[in-house]
Amino acid sequence: MAIRRVLLAILHQLLCPYILVALTSFLTFCVAGLFHGTVATARMLLFATPFYPIQIGAALVAGYLVTRYFSLPLARWMWVLPAAFLLSQVVFRQLPDDVSRWGYWFGWFGIVGHVYPPLQVGVTMPFYTSAAYSLAAVVASRRKQLKPRELSGVSV
């Protein structure tokens, strides 16, 4: 039983940020299709800013719900592996001479034909989603620990 729990925690750590990104993209394309939107509209919603608000919002909701209703021991630490990967890319990735590292990974710097650098989606976006997921997991676990009276504001 303990081995199963450890394997579940490792899979959760490795796959969750990327599953959240894929699920958010799928749902955005479906909703855009329902409202007669185009692929360009869905792409604009998903990737028009380097801060990815739709993915972060979905990660906040998912992190809260998963932690509130399931017992996953490492949900609050989901940000660690994507942060380590992002840090390794920021330090070791070769960039063109006229590009700042901060602007490339976190800013509005664009490459011809792209609104964002292509690596930003695979490295920075999972970090943002996992950080939002972890933040929501912390909030949910704290709310879970509070007694029902403390949540309603009734004091005895």
Protein backbone atom coordinates (compact mmCIF):
# COMPACT_ATOMS: atom_id res chain seq x y z
CA MET A 1 0.00 0.00 0.00
CA ALA A 2 2.84 2.42 0.82
CA ILE A 3 4.57 1.68 -2.50
CA ARG A 4 1.37 2.45 -4.38
CA ARG A 5 1.06 5.77 -2.57
CA VAL A 6 4.67 6.70 -3.35
CA LEU A 7 4.24 5.79 -7.02
CA LEU A 8 1.03 7.85 -7.18
CA ALA A 9 2.84 10.83 -5.64
CA ILE A 10 5.72 10.54 -8.14
CA LEU A 11 3.36 10.26 -11.12
CA HIS A 12 1.38 13.21 -9.81
CA GLN A 13 4.57 15.28 -9.56
CA LEU A 14 5.78 14.40 -13.03
CA LEU A 15 2.55 14.50 -15.03
CA CYS A 16 0.20 16.95 -13.36
CA PRO A 17 1.56 20.24 -14.77
CA TYR A 18 1.55 18.89 -18.31
CA ILE A 19 -1.87 17.24 -17.97
CA LEU A 20 -3.29 20.53 -16.68
CA VAL A 21 -1.87 22.41 -19.68
CA ALA A 22 -3.22 19.82 -22.13
CA LEU A 23 -6.64 19.68 -20.48
CA THR A 24 -6.93 23.47 -20.39
CA SER A 25 -6.00 23.68 -24.06
CA PHE A 26 -8.53 21.00 -24.99
CA LEU A 27 -11.33 22.68 -23.03
CA THR A 28 -10.52 26.10 -24.48
CA PHE A 29 -10.67 24.78 -28.03
CA CYS A 30 -13.98 23.02 -27.24
CA VAL A 31 -15.54 26.15 -25.72
CA ALA A 32 -14.29 28.30 -28.61
CA GLY A 33 -15.93 25.82 -31.00
CA LEU A 34 -19.24 25.95 -29.10
CA PHE A 35 -19.40 29.71 -29.47
CA HIS A 36 -18.44 29.59 -33.14
CA GLY A 37 -14.94 30.75 -32.39
CA THR A 38 -11.98 29.87 -34.51
CA VAL A 39 -8.72 28.12 -33.81
CA ALA A 40 -7.07 31.54 -33.90
CA THR A 41 -9.40 32.75 -31.14
CA ALA A 42 -8.58 29.76 -28.94
CA ARG A 43 -4.85 30.23 -29.57
CA MET A 44 -5.10 33.89 -28.70
CA LEU A 45 -6.88 33.07 -25.44
CA LEU A 46 -4.31 30.45 -24.51
CA PHE A 47 -1.05 31.98 -25.67
CA ALA A 48 -1.51 35.73 -26.24
CA THR A 49 0.26 36.66 -23.00
CA PRO A 50 3.34 35.08 -21.46
CA PHE A 51 1.50 34.92 -18.14
CA TYR A 52 -1.08 32.31 -19.25
CA PRO A 53 -4.10 33.40 -17.17
CA ILE A 54 -6.43 30.64 -18.39
CA GLN A 55 -3.97 27.90 -17.48
CA ILE A 56 -3.25 29.50 -14.11
CA GLY A 57 -6.97 29.81 -13.35
CA ALA A 58 -7.55 26.16 -14.22
CA ALA A 59 -4.58 25.13 -12.07
CA LEU A 60 -5.96 27.10 -9.11
CA VAL A 61 -9.33 25.36 -9.40
CA ALA A 62 -7.77 21.91 -9.91
CA GLY A 63 -5.30 22.29 -7.05
CA TYR A 64 -8.03 23.35 -4.67
CA LEU A 65 -10.46 20.60 -5.65
CA VAL A 66 -7.89 17.80 -5.74
CA THR A 67 -6.48 18.70 -2.33
CA ARG A 68 -9.89 19.29 -0.81
CA TYR A 69 -11.35 15.93 -1.86
CA PHE A 70 -8.34 13.61 -2.25
CA SER A 71 -5.35 12.90 -0.08
CA LEU A 72 -2.28 13.53 -2.21
CA PRO A 73 0.74 14.09 0.03
CA LEU A 74 2.89 16.13 -2.36
CA ALA A 75 0.25 18.40 -3.91
CA ARG A 76 1.65 21.42 -2.06
CA TRP A 77 5.09 20.73 -3.52
CA MET A 78 4.03 20.45 -7.14
CA TRP A 79 6.10 23.52 -8.10
CA VAL A 80 9.50 22.02 -7.19
CA LEU A 81 10.26 19.91 -10.29
CA PRO A 82 9.03 22.48 -12.85
CA ALA A 83 10.94 25.20 -10.98
CA ALA A 84 14.13 23.13 -11.08
CA PHE A 85 13.65 22.49 -14.80
CA LEU A 86 13.00 26.19 -15.47
CA LEU A 87 16.03 27.20 -13.42
CA SER A 88 18.25 24.78 -15.34
CA GLN A 89 16.97 26.19 -18.64
CA VAL A 90 17.46 29.80 -17.52
CA VAL A 91 21.03 29.10 -16.45
CA PHE A 92 22.24 26.72 -19.17
CA ARG A 93 20.22 27.47 -22.33
CA GLN A 94 22.10 29.41 -24.99
CA LEU A 95 20.16 32.45 -26.22
CA PRO A 96 20.89 34.96 -28.97
CA ASP A 97 23.18 37.80 -27.86
CA ASP A 98 20.55 40.54 -28.02
CA VAL A 99 18.03 38.68 -25.81
CA SER A 100 17.79 38.97 -22.04
CA ARG A 101 17.17 35.78 -20.10
CA TRP A 102 14.38 37.42 -18.10
CA GLY A 103 12.65 38.68 -21.22
CA TYR A 104 12.97 35.36 -23.01
CA TRP A 105 11.59 33.13 -20.26
CA PHE A 106 9.14 35.44 -18.48
CA GLY A 107 8.44 38.43 -20.69
CA TRP A 108 6.97 39.62 -23.92
CA PHE A 109 10.01 38.93 -26.06
CA GLY A 110 8.79 37.39 -29.29
CA ILE A 111 10.46 35.59 -32.14
CA VAL A 112 9.36 36.36 -35.69
CA GLY A 113 6.12 34.49 -36.31
CA HIS A 114 5.48 33.80 -32.62
CA VAL A 115 3.90 35.85 -29.85
CA TYR A 116 6.08 34.03 -27.32
CA PRO A 117 9.35 32.15 -27.46
CA PRO A 118 8.64 28.53 -28.39
CA LEU A 119 10.37 27.12 -25.31
CA GLN A 120 8.31 29.28 -22.98
CA VAL A 121 5.25 27.07 -23.45
CA GLY A 122 7.08 23.89 -22.53
CA VAL A 123 9.09 25.26 -19.63
CA THR A 124 7.60 28.45 -18.17
CA MET A 125 3.91 27.56 -18.52
CA PRO A 126 4.23 24.29 -16.54
CA PHE A 127 6.03 26.23 -13.82
CA TYR A 128 3.22 28.79 -13.63
CA THR A 129 0.52 26.12 -13.57
CA SER A 130 2.30 24.01 -10.96
CA ALA A 131 2.92 27.06 -8.75
CA ALA A 132 -0.77 28.01 -8.95
CA TYR A 133 -1.77 24.39 -8.28
CA SER A 134 0.49 24.29 -5.21
CA LEU A 135 -0.82 27.60 -3.90
CA ALA A 136 -4.41 26.36 -4.18
CA ALA A 137 -3.40 23.08 -2.52
CA VAL A 138 -1.98 25.00 0.45
CA VAL A 139 -5.20 27.01 0.78
CA ALA A 140 -7.35 23.87 0.51
CA SER A 141 -5.29 21.94 3.06
CA ARG A 142 -5.51 24.84 5.52
CA ARG A 143 -9.28 25.06 5.03
CA LYS A 144 -9.50 21.30 5.50
CA GLN A 145 -7.78 21.60 8.87
CA LEU A 146 -10.17 24.28 10.15
CA LYS A 147 -13.19 23.16 12.07
CA PRO A 148 -16.65 23.89 10.61
CA ARG A 149 -17.29 26.52 13.32
CA GLU A 150 -14.13 28.39 12.42
CA LEU A 151 -15.20 28.46 8.76
CA SER A 152 -18.64 29.89 9.54
CA GLY A 153 -17.25 32.57 11.86
CA VAL A 154 -19.27 31.36 14.86
CA SER A 155 -17.36 31.56 18.11
CA VAL A 156 -18.28 29.68 21.26
